[in-house]
């Protein structure tokens, strides 16, 4: 299995929309992904497995801090290192552009994702009660500070 990570392209959006719909109860639309392409303060990467779109992750940067808005991996590629590979590249890219701290929210029940984030150095610093819908669930607020 060959994992390649590169910037998000317009051609990736339909595949990403299908992956989102397969993974989330409130998926991002194709239009939401398209809007990212025009925002200079957003950085989004795509993972390809054997040259096919397998996932995406990205952040919005404000004043030297980056909020990781989305991490998604197609169900057939989960637990195979895709998310970790994408996130490592995203963190490298952010640091190279001057980002000093990264934050994200994750469902408290998503232990697999929390484990990946902790391996990358993120630490839980609080809870956002009822942050998620369908189903309603708390979010762990995680930070990685340089």
Foldseek 3Di string as FASTA:
>chain_A
DDKDKDWDDLVCLVVAQVQQVQPDPDGDHSVVVVVQVPDPQKTKMFIDDVNHTFWMWIWGDDPLETETDDTTGRPVCPPPCRRLVHVVVRVVVSVVVRRFKYKYKDFPPPVVVVVSVVVVPKDFDDKDAQPDVPPGGIITMIMHGD
